[in-house]
Structure formats: C-alpha cells, structure tokens
Amino acid sequence: MVGLRVMPSLPDLSAEERAAVRQACGFACVRCGVTIYRYLGLPDGPGATLLCPTCHGLVEEGRLTATQVHSFHANPVVRQRHFARDRLPFSAELPQLIVGGSRLLRDTPIPITLEGEPVLVFAPPRRANGATRISVRLGGVDGQPEQIVDGNEWMPANGSWHFLLRGDRYSMMATRGDGLCVLRIVARNRIAVEHLRTTLKGRRLEVTPDWFEIDGKRYIDRIGSGTLVGLEL
C-alpha cells in the first residue's frame, strides 16, 4: 500500500488534463515506452505522469525510487534518439488487423462484438505523433463484461488482471479464470490478435490469427473488412 500512496491513481483528471499528460509523456510509459498506461501522480510533488502496469509495479515494490520516476518523466524514453517506435503501436492511422483467418482487415475499428459488447476496439491517435488507441473488454470471473483497457488506459486497480510486454506482444491475463488477450505488433500499423479467450455473458469466445471459435464451433474468414463492426456474435 505504501507504493500506491507514493503514486496515486488519478481517475478524476479532466479530458484536457489527460491530453496534456499524454503529450508531456510522449503518449506512453515514460520509462519503457509501452502504450498501455495509468495516469499517476508524481511522487513527492504535484503533477502527473504515465507508467505502464509493469513499471508501476516496480514503484510499488520499492524497486524504482521517486528520483528515478522524476528523471524518467523529465526525459521520456520515447523522446530519446535510440527508441524504436516501430516495435510498438505508434501510428497515425487505424491499424490493419490479422484476426480470425480473414484477409487483412482494413478500416475495421471493432473486429468482433459478443452479445453487444465490443471485445476489441482500435482507433487512430488523437494526434499524429501519438499511439494507436486500444480498448479491451472481456468477461470477468463472473462472466460479466469488464473494461481491461480503455483508450490505452489500464483500468484494473485490484490485481484482477496482469499486463506484460513480451517481445512484440502485449499480454493481458486474468488473475483468476482463463481470460486472456495477446496482441502482437507485427509491423508499423499492423496488429495480430495472437490469442484472445474469454467467457462473456455465458458465451465462450476464442480467437487466433487463423480462426475464431464461438460456443465450441470454429470458423474462418467470417470477419468483415472496411466496416465499423467486422462481426457480431
């Protein structure tokens, strides 16, 4: 709990304040450049910064000091010359998607909805130098919809989900149950749904780049391209 008091979450920031924080931090975690983050109060002083769940965990564990956090905030890694933006989802355009055995999906912000719930949502950044906006909504332990990521903001605050960057993959895993979402950054402006698995409102969905399975039945090439919603289940 000490770490949470050092860097409190800031859910009540206005839209304008959030935009200013994103711009100041380079639209990503100031330490590692991951584009999934929380809005957190800077330790021992005013102001806010962005840290991914992994780096925030290092603060909570006492492995990152207040001085280090301030140093990262003053010089975010994405603004440093060596940082390779192409390995993470930075693009001014809506990403092309590899999912469900369909041809490369273009201009499809919501590839799949399940029982009216958008499981994944992709959007271009609000500013040209920003990051692809990713939202993930999966079933919780009780099968009810739970927002895991909302426009790149990491929502779980109670340890119910874990986030990891593994190579070129964003991995989100439920602490309990088998909920899972793994997105692979294939290339600039191209993302593969490497593996998605959830039970939502009593229906079980599993998705890979090559197929999707709903309620025990497997399909390929059913997700439409060039439309707001690729497939409603």
C-alpha atoms as a PDB file:
ATOM      1  CA  MET A   1       0.000   0.000   0.000  1.00  0.00           C
ATOM      2  CA  VAL A   2       2.944   2.363   0.543  1.00  0.00           C
ATOM      3  CA  GLY A   3       3.649   2.467  -3.187  1.00  0.00           C
ATOM      4  CA  LEU A   4       0.062   3.390  -4.032  1.00  0.00           C
ATOM      5  CA  ARG A   5       0.281   6.393  -1.699  1.00  0.00           C
ATOM      6  CA  VAL A   6       3.557   7.430  -3.321  1.00  0.00           C
ATOM      7  CA  MET A   7       1.999   7.389  -6.810  1.00  0.00           C
ATOM      8  CA  PRO A   8      -1.782   7.604  -6.522  1.00  0.00           C
ATOM      9  CA  SER A   9      -4.035   6.846  -9.458  1.00  0.00           C
ATOM     10  CA  LEU A  10      -5.728   9.946 -10.895  1.00  0.00           C
ATOM     11  CA  PRO A  11      -9.147   8.875 -12.225  1.00  0.00           C
ATOM     12  CA  ASP A  12     -10.682  12.365 -11.932  1.00  0.00           C
ATOM     13  CA  LEU A  13      -8.416  14.172 -14.380  1.00  0.00           C
ATOM     14  CA  SER A  14     -10.349  16.152 -16.975  1.00  0.00           C
ATOM     15  CA  ALA A  15     -10.048  15.346 -20.669  1.00  0.00           C
ATOM     16  CA  GLU A  16      -7.868  18.415 -21.135  1.00  0.00           C
ATOM     17  CA  GLU A  17      -5.585  17.431 -18.251  1.00  0.00           C
ATOM     18  CA  ARG A  18      -5.229  13.890 -19.600  1.00  0.00           C
ATOM     19  CA  ALA A  19      -4.342  15.219 -23.032  1.00  0.00           C
ATOM     20  CA  ALA A  20      -1.646  17.432 -21.504  1.00  0.00           C
ATOM     21  CA  VAL A  21      -0.185  14.482 -19.552  1.00  0.00           C
ATOM     22  CA  ARG A  22      -0.143  12.270 -22.655  1.00  0.00           C
ATOM     23  CA  GLN A  23       1.603  14.955 -24.678  1.00  0.00           C
ATOM     24  CA  ALA A  24       4.192  15.603 -21.969  1.00  0.00           C
ATOM     25  CA  CYS A  25       4.960  11.888 -21.618  1.00  0.00           C
ATOM     26  CA  GLY A  26       5.088  11.044 -25.320  1.00  0.00           C
ATOM     27  CA  PHE A  27       1.825   9.038 -25.267  1.00  0.00           C
ATOM     28  CA  ALA A  28       3.447   6.102 -23.451  1.00  0.00           C
ATOM     29  CA  CYS A  29       5.049   4.885 -20.246  1.00  0.00           C
ATOM     30  CA  VAL A  30       7.865   7.325 -19.543  1.00  0.00           C
ATOM     31  CA  ARG A  31      10.237   4.518 -18.510  1.00  0.00           C
ATOM     32  CA  CYS A  32       9.740   1.786 -21.149  1.00  0.00           C
ATOM     33  CA  GLY A  33       7.559   3.263 -23.919  1.00  0.00           C
ATOM     34  CA  VAL A  34       4.668   0.793 -23.606  1.00  0.00           C
ATOM     35  CA  THR A  35       1.461   2.437 -24.833  1.00  0.00           C
ATOM     36  CA  ILE A  36      -0.761   0.870 -22.153  1.00  0.00           C
ATOM     37  CA  TYR A  37      -0.539   3.012 -19.031  1.00  0.00           C
ATOM     38  CA  ARG A  38      -2.087   4.511 -15.932  1.00  0.00           C
ATOM     39  CA  TYR A  39      -2.348   8.195 -15.056  1.00  0.00           C
ATOM     40  CA  LEU A  40      -0.399   8.527 -11.810  1.00  0.00           C
ATOM     41  CA  GLY A  41       0.514  11.354  -9.506  1.00  0.00           C
ATOM     42  CA  LEU A  42       4.225  12.109  -9.424  1.00  0.00           C
ATOM     43  CA  PRO A  43       5.806  11.092  -6.102  1.00  0.00           C
ATOM     44  CA  ASP A  44       6.546  13.792  -3.535  1.00  0.00           C
ATOM     45  CA  GLY A  45       5.139  16.635  -5.562  1.00  0.00           C
ATOM     46  CA  PRO A  46       2.459  17.992  -7.920  1.00  0.00           C
ATOM     47  CA  GLY A  47       1.939  16.816 -11.465  1.00  0.00           C
ATOM     48  CA  ALA A  48       1.085  13.572 -13.217  1.00  0.00           C
ATOM     49  CA  THR A  49       2.865  11.042 -15.390  1.00  0.00           C
ATOM     50  CA  LEU A  50       2.250   7.819 -17.318  1.00  0.00           C
ATOM     51  CA  LEU A  51       3.564   4.423 -16.240  1.00  0.00           C
ATOM     52  CA  CYS A  52       2.629   1.021 -17.624  1.00  0.00           C
ATOM     53  CA  PRO A  53       1.354  -1.582 -15.118  1.00  0.00           C
ATOM     54  CA  THR A  54       4.767  -3.294 -15.035  1.00  0.00           C
ATOM     55  CA  CYS A  55       6.746  -0.151 -14.257  1.00  0.00           C
ATOM     56  CA  HIS A  56       4.151   0.998 -11.736  1.00  0.00           C
ATOM     57  CA  GLY A  57       4.573  -2.402 -10.079  1.00  0.00           C
ATOM     58  CA  LEU A  58       8.298  -1.683  -9.716  1.00  0.00           C
ATOM     59  CA  VAL A  59       7.407   1.521  -7.858  1.00  0.00           C
ATOM     60  CA  GLU A  60       5.063  -0.372  -5.544  1.00  0.00           C
ATOM     61  CA  GLU A  61       7.791  -2.923  -4.847  1.00  0.00           C
ATOM     62  CA  GLY A  62      10.285  -0.199  -3.999  1.00  0.00           C
ATOM     63  CA  ARG A  63      12.497  -1.014  -6.993  1.00  0.00           C
ATOM     64  CA  LEU A  64      12.035   2.411  -8.569  1.00  0.00           C
ATOM     65  CA  THR A  65      12.723   5.480  -6.442  1.00  0.00           C
ATOM     66  CA  ALA A  66      10.959   8.832  -6.565  1.00  0.00           C
ATOM     67  CA  THR A  67      14.113  10.378  -8.028  1.00  0.00           C
ATOM     68  CA  GLN A  68      14.178   7.804 -10.834  1.00  0.00           C
ATOM     69  CA  VAL A  69      10.494   8.363 -11.648  1.00  0.00           C
ATOM     70  CA  HIS A  70      11.041  12.123 -11.869  1.00  0.00           C
ATOM     71  CA  SER A  71      14.057  11.551 -14.105  1.00  0.00           C
ATOM     72  CA  PHE A  72      12.045   9.346 -16.487  1.00  0.00           C
ATOM     73  CA  HIS A  73       9.214  11.887 -16.518  1.00  0.00           C
ATOM     74  CA  ALA A  74      11.621  14.717 -17.360  1.00  0.00           C
ATOM     75  CA  ASN A  75      13.089  12.728 -20.270  1.00  0.00           C
ATOM     76  CA  PRO A  76      10.541  10.118 -21.508  1.00  0.00           C
ATOM     77  CA  VAL A  77      12.127   7.178 -23.296  1.00  0.00           C
ATOM     78  CA  VAL A  78      10.014   7.660 -26.445  1.00  0.00           C
ATOM     79  CA  ARG A  79      11.653  11.047 -26.990  1.00  0.00           C
ATOM     80  CA  GLN A  80      15.156   9.596 -26.843  1.00  0.00           C
ATOM     81  CA  ARG A  81      17.053   9.052 -30.069  1.00  0.00           C
ATOM     82  CA  HIS A  82      17.609   5.309 -29.589  1.00  0.00           C
ATOM     83  CA  PHE A  83      13.928   4.462 -29.044  1.00  0.00           C
ATOM     84  CA  ALA A  84      12.473   2.243 -31.799  1.00  0.00           C
ATOM     85  CA  ARG A  85       8.879   3.391 -32.254  1.00  0.00           C
ATOM     86  CA  ASP A  86       8.123   0.732 -34.892  1.00  0.00           C
ATOM     87  CA  ARG A  87       8.280  -2.085 -32.348  1.00  0.00           C
ATOM     88  CA  LEU A  88       5.287  -0.646 -30.513  1.00  0.00           C
ATOM     89  CA  PRO A  89       1.901   0.539 -31.861  1.00  0.00           C
ATOM     90  CA  PHE A  90       2.706   4.118 -32.798  1.00  0.00           C
ATOM     91  CA  SER A  91       0.889   5.063 -35.995  1.00  0.00           C
ATOM     92  CA  ALA A  92      -1.212   7.957 -37.210  1.00  0.00           C
ATOM     93  CA  GLU A  93      -3.609   5.578 -38.987  1.00  0.00           C
ATOM     94  CA  LEU A  94      -6.114   2.928 -37.963  1.00  0.00           C
ATOM     95  CA  PRO A  95      -4.156  -0.341 -37.747  1.00  0.00           C
ATOM     96  CA  GLN A  96      -4.597  -3.225 -40.154  1.00  0.00           C
ATOM     97  CA  LEU A  97      -5.641  -6.371 -38.274  1.00  0.00           C
ATOM     98  CA  ILE A  98      -4.760 -10.048 -38.619  1.00  0.00           C
ATOM     99  CA  VAL A  99      -7.562 -11.988 -36.963  1.00  0.00           C
ATOM    100  CA  GLY A 100      -9.875 -14.974 -37.370  1.00  0.00           C
ATOM    101  CA  GLY A 101      -8.478 -16.361 -40.614  1.00  0.00           C
ATOM    102  CA  SER A 102      -9.839 -13.408 -42.576  1.00  0.00           C
ATOM    103  CA  ARG A 103      -7.940 -11.388 -45.118  1.00  0.00           C
ATOM    104  CA  LEU A 104      -6.060  -8.451 -43.667  1.00  0.00           C
ATOM    105  CA  LEU A 105      -8.737  -6.258 -42.080  1.00  0.00           C
ATOM    106  CA  ARG A 106      -8.570  -2.610 -43.041  1.00  0.00           C
ATOM    107  CA  ASP A 107     -10.668   0.236 -41.670  1.00  0.00           C
ATOM    108  CA  THR A 108     -12.378  -2.042 -39.135  1.00  0.00           C
ATOM    109  CA  PRO A 109     -12.275  -0.373 -35.696  1.00  0.00           C
ATOM    110  CA  ILE A 110     -14.252  -3.148 -33.942  1.00  0.00           C
ATOM    111  CA  PRO A 111     -13.380  -6.600 -35.309  1.00  0.00           C
ATOM    112  CA  ILE A 112     -15.776  -8.547 -33.030  1.00  0.00           C
ATOM    113  CA  THR A 113     -18.663  -7.838 -30.692  1.00  0.00           C
ATOM    114  CA  LEU A 114     -20.076 -10.509 -28.375  1.00  0.00           C
ATOM    115  CA  GLU A 115     -23.605 -10.107 -27.003  1.00  0.00           C
ATOM    116  CA  GLY A 116     -23.433  -6.438 -27.915  1.00  0.00           C
ATOM    117  CA  GLU A 117     -20.097  -5.904 -26.160  1.00  0.00           C
ATOM    118  CA  PRO A 118     -17.145  -4.664 -28.261  1.00  0.00           C
ATOM    119  CA  VAL A 119     -14.385  -7.091 -27.275  1.00  0.00           C
ATOM    120  CA  LEU A 120     -11.634  -5.125 -29.036  1.00  0.00           C
ATOM    121  CA  VAL A 121     -11.653  -1.545 -30.275  1.00  0.00           C
ATOM    122  CA  PHE A 122      -8.866   0.134 -32.240  1.00  0.00           C
ATOM    123  CA  ALA A 123      -8.662   3.822 -33.096  1.00  0.00           C
ATOM    124  CA  PRO A 124      -6.023   6.136 -34.535  1.00  0.00           C
ATOM    125  CA  PRO A 125      -4.321   8.527 -32.104  1.00  0.00           C
ATOM    126  CA  ARG A 126      -5.828  11.893 -31.334  1.00  0.00           C
ATOM    127  CA  ARG A 127      -2.577  13.466 -32.523  1.00  0.00           C
ATOM    128  CA  ALA A 128      -0.379  12.350 -35.410  1.00  0.00           C
ATOM    129  CA  ASN A 129       2.604  11.603 -33.153  1.00  0.00           C
ATOM    130  CA  GLY A 130       0.525   9.600 -30.689  1.00  0.00           C
ATOM    131  CA  ALA A 131      -0.132   5.899 -30.203  1.00  0.00           C
ATOM    132  CA  THR A 132      -2.836   3.634 -31.606  1.00  0.00           C
ATOM    133  CA  ARG A 133      -5.726   3.712 -29.139  1.00  0.00           C
ATOM    134  CA  ILE A 134      -6.542   0.190 -27.935  1.00  0.00           C
ATOM    135  CA  SER A 135      -9.525  -0.858 -25.843  1.00  0.00           C
ATOM    136  CA  VAL A 136     -10.118  -4.370 -24.486  1.00  0.00           C
ATOM    137  CA  ARG A 137     -13.352  -5.568 -22.867  1.00  0.00           C
ATOM    138  CA  LEU A 138     -13.531  -9.163 -21.628  1.00  0.00           C
ATOM    139  CA  GLY A 139     -15.572 -11.237 -19.222  1.00  0.00           C
ATOM    140  CA  GLY A 140     -14.581 -11.125 -15.578  1.00  0.00           C
ATOM    141  CA  VAL A 141     -14.637 -14.066 -13.186  1.00  0.00           C
ATOM    142  CA  ASP A 142     -18.450 -13.834 -13.069  1.00  0.00           C
ATOM    143  CA  GLY A 143     -18.735 -13.665 -16.870  1.00  0.00           C
ATOM    144  CA  GLN A 144     -19.849 -10.055 -16.824  1.00  0.00           C
ATOM    145  CA  PRO A 145     -18.128  -7.519 -19.092  1.00  0.00           C
ATOM    146  CA  GLU A 146     -15.098  -5.840 -17.589  1.00  0.00           C
ATOM    147  CA  GLN A 147     -13.153  -2.999 -19.176  1.00  0.00           C
ATOM    148  CA  ILE A 148      -9.487  -4.004 -19.102  1.00  0.00           C
ATOM    149  CA  VAL A 149      -8.073  -1.227 -21.271  1.00  0.00           C
ATOM    150  CA  ASP A 150      -9.939   1.929 -22.286  1.00  0.00           C
ATOM    151  CA  GLY A 151      -8.240   4.018 -24.960  1.00  0.00           C
ATOM    152  CA  ASN A 152      -4.815   2.748 -23.763  1.00  0.00           C
ATOM    153  CA  GLU A 153      -5.620   3.399 -20.090  1.00  0.00           C
ATOM    154  CA  TRP A 154      -5.124   0.336 -17.887  1.00  0.00           C
ATOM    155  CA  MET A 155      -8.302   0.055 -15.824  1.00  0.00           C
ATOM    156  CA  PRO A 156      -7.897  -2.820 -13.290  1.00  0.00           C
ATOM    157  CA  ALA A 157      -6.710  -1.491  -9.946  1.00  0.00           C
ATOM    158  CA  ASN A 158      -7.348  -4.541  -7.769  1.00  0.00           C
ATOM    159  CA  GLY A 159      -4.921  -7.096  -9.169  1.00  0.00           C
ATOM    160  CA  SER A 160      -7.634  -8.942 -11.108  1.00  0.00           C
ATOM    161  CA  TRP A 161      -5.643  -8.697 -14.359  1.00  0.00           C
ATOM    162  CA  HIS A 162      -1.947  -8.660 -15.205  1.00  0.00           C
ATOM    163  CA  PHE A 163      -0.178  -6.934 -18.092  1.00  0.00           C
ATOM    164  CA  LEU A 164       3.153  -7.925 -19.640  1.00  0.00           C
ATOM    165  CA  LEU A 165       5.182  -6.800 -22.631  1.00  0.00           C
ATOM    166  CA  ARG A 166       6.749  -9.946 -24.067  1.00  0.00           C
ATOM    167  CA  GLY A 167       8.918  -9.149 -27.072  1.00  0.00           C
ATOM    168  CA  ASP A 168       6.484  -7.645 -29.588  1.00  0.00           C
ATOM    169  CA  ARG A 169       3.376  -8.798 -27.683  1.00  0.00           C
ATOM    170  CA  TYR A 170       1.022  -7.041 -25.301  1.00  0.00           C
ATOM    171  CA  SER A 171      -0.306  -9.753 -22.970  1.00  0.00           C
ATOM    172  CA  MET A 172      -3.276  -9.248 -20.634  1.00  0.00           C
ATOM    173  CA  MET A 173      -4.191 -12.175 -18.379  1.00  0.00           C
ATOM    174  CA  ALA A 174      -6.840 -12.681 -15.725  1.00  0.00           C
ATOM    175  CA  THR A 175      -5.520 -13.472 -12.264  1.00  0.00           C
ATOM    176  CA  ARG A 176      -8.410 -15.907 -11.823  1.00  0.00           C
ATOM    177  CA  GLY A 177     -10.068 -17.785 -14.663  1.00  0.00           C
ATOM    178  CA  ASP A 178      -8.742 -18.165 -18.186  1.00  0.00           C
ATOM    179  CA  GLY A 179      -9.373 -14.694 -19.610  1.00  0.00           C
ATOM    180  CA  LEU A 180      -6.603 -13.727 -21.989  1.00  0.00           C
ATOM    181  CA  CYS A 181      -5.763 -11.196 -24.689  1.00  0.00           C
ATOM    182  CA  VAL A 182      -2.444 -11.184 -26.541  1.00  0.00           C
ATOM    183  CA  LEU A 183      -1.860  -8.598 -29.272  1.00  0.00           C
ATOM    184  CA  ARG A 184       1.270  -8.841 -31.413  1.00  0.00           C
ATOM    185  CA  ILE A 185       2.747  -5.799 -33.102  1.00  0.00           C
ATOM    186  CA  VAL A 186       3.645  -7.316 -36.465  1.00  0.00           C
ATOM    187  CA  ALA A 187       4.878  -4.136 -38.128  1.00  0.00           C
ATOM    188  CA  ARG A 188       4.140  -0.445 -38.113  1.00  0.00           C
ATOM    189  CA  ASN A 189       0.354  -0.036 -38.329  1.00  0.00           C
ATOM    190  CA  ARG A 190      -0.283  -3.816 -38.305  1.00  0.00           C
ATOM    191  CA  ILE A 191      -1.516  -5.811 -35.292  1.00  0.00           C
ATOM    192  CA  ALA A 192      -2.310  -9.521 -34.972  1.00  0.00           C
ATOM    193  CA  VAL A 193      -4.787 -10.874 -32.434  1.00  0.00           C
ATOM    194  CA  GLU A 194      -2.371 -13.578 -31.348  1.00  0.00           C
ATOM    195  CA  HIS A 195      -4.753 -15.136 -28.830  1.00  0.00           C
ATOM    196  CA  LEU A 196      -7.963 -13.966 -27.217  1.00  0.00           C
ATOM    197  CA  ARG A 197     -10.020 -16.102 -24.870  1.00  0.00           C
ATOM    198  CA  THR A 198     -12.992 -15.119 -22.753  1.00  0.00           C
ATOM    199  CA  THR A 199     -16.381 -16.180 -21.438  1.00  0.00           C
ATOM    200  CA  LEU A 200     -18.830 -13.305 -21.613  1.00  0.00           C
ATOM    201  CA  LYS A 201     -22.493 -13.485 -20.605  1.00  0.00           C
ATOM    202  CA  GLY A 202     -22.403 -17.273 -20.795  1.00  0.00           C
ATOM    203  CA  ARG A 203     -20.788 -17.465 -24.242  1.00  0.00           C
ATOM    204  CA  ARG A 204     -17.235 -18.628 -24.794  1.00  0.00           C
ATOM    205  CA  LEU A 205     -15.077 -16.974 -27.443  1.00  0.00           C
ATOM    206  CA  GLU A 206     -11.570 -17.844 -28.561  1.00  0.00           C
ATOM    207  CA  VAL A 207      -9.709 -16.040 -31.330  1.00  0.00           C
ATOM    208  CA  THR A 208      -6.349 -16.509 -33.086  1.00  0.00           C
ATOM    209  CA  PRO A 209      -4.926 -15.054 -36.308  1.00  0.00           C
ATOM    210  CA  ASP A 210      -6.142 -18.169 -38.173  1.00  0.00           C
ATOM    211  CA  TRP A 211      -9.627 -18.851 -36.737  1.00  0.00           C
ATOM    212  CA  PHE A 212     -12.191 -17.980 -34.121  1.00  0.00           C
ATOM    213  CA  GLU A 213     -14.321 -20.304 -32.042  1.00  0.00           C
ATOM    214  CA  ILE A 214     -17.669 -19.401 -30.504  1.00  0.00           C
ATOM    215  CA  ASP A 215     -19.620 -21.748 -28.240  1.00  0.00           C
ATOM    216  CA  GLY A 216     -17.449 -24.676 -29.349  1.00  0.00           C
ATOM    217  CA  LYS A 217     -17.789 -24.115 -33.117  1.00  0.00           C
ATOM    218  CA  ARG A 218     -14.782 -22.986 -35.140  1.00  0.00           C
ATOM    219  CA  TYR A 219     -14.909 -20.639 -38.134  1.00  0.00           C
ATOM    220  CA  ILE A 220     -12.526 -18.887 -40.508  1.00  0.00           C
ATOM    221  CA  ASP A 221     -12.862 -15.859 -42.768  1.00  0.00           C
ATOM    222  CA  ARG A 222     -16.119 -14.558 -41.253  1.00  0.00           C
ATOM    223  CA  ILE A 223     -14.950 -11.124 -40.105  1.00  0.00           C
ATOM    224  CA  GLY A 224     -15.755  -8.304 -42.500  1.00  0.00           C
ATOM    225  CA  SER A 225     -13.307  -5.600 -43.561  1.00  0.00           C
ATOM    226  CA  GLY A 226     -13.955  -1.931 -44.161  1.00  0.00           C
ATOM    227  CA  THR A 227     -16.859  -1.654 -41.735  1.00  0.00           C
ATOM    228  CA  LEU A 228     -17.363  -0.320 -38.206  1.00  0.00           C
ATOM    229  CA  VAL A 229     -18.022  -3.816 -36.761  1.00  0.00           C
ATOM    230  CA  GLY A 230     -16.435  -6.788 -38.506  1.00  0.00           C
ATOM    231  CA  LEU A 231     -18.579  -9.482 -36.868  1.00  0.00           C
ATOM    232  CA  GLU A 232     -21.448  -9.522 -34.386  1.00  0.00           C
ATOM    233  CA  LEU A 233     -21.839 -12.683 -32.324  1.00  0.00           C
END
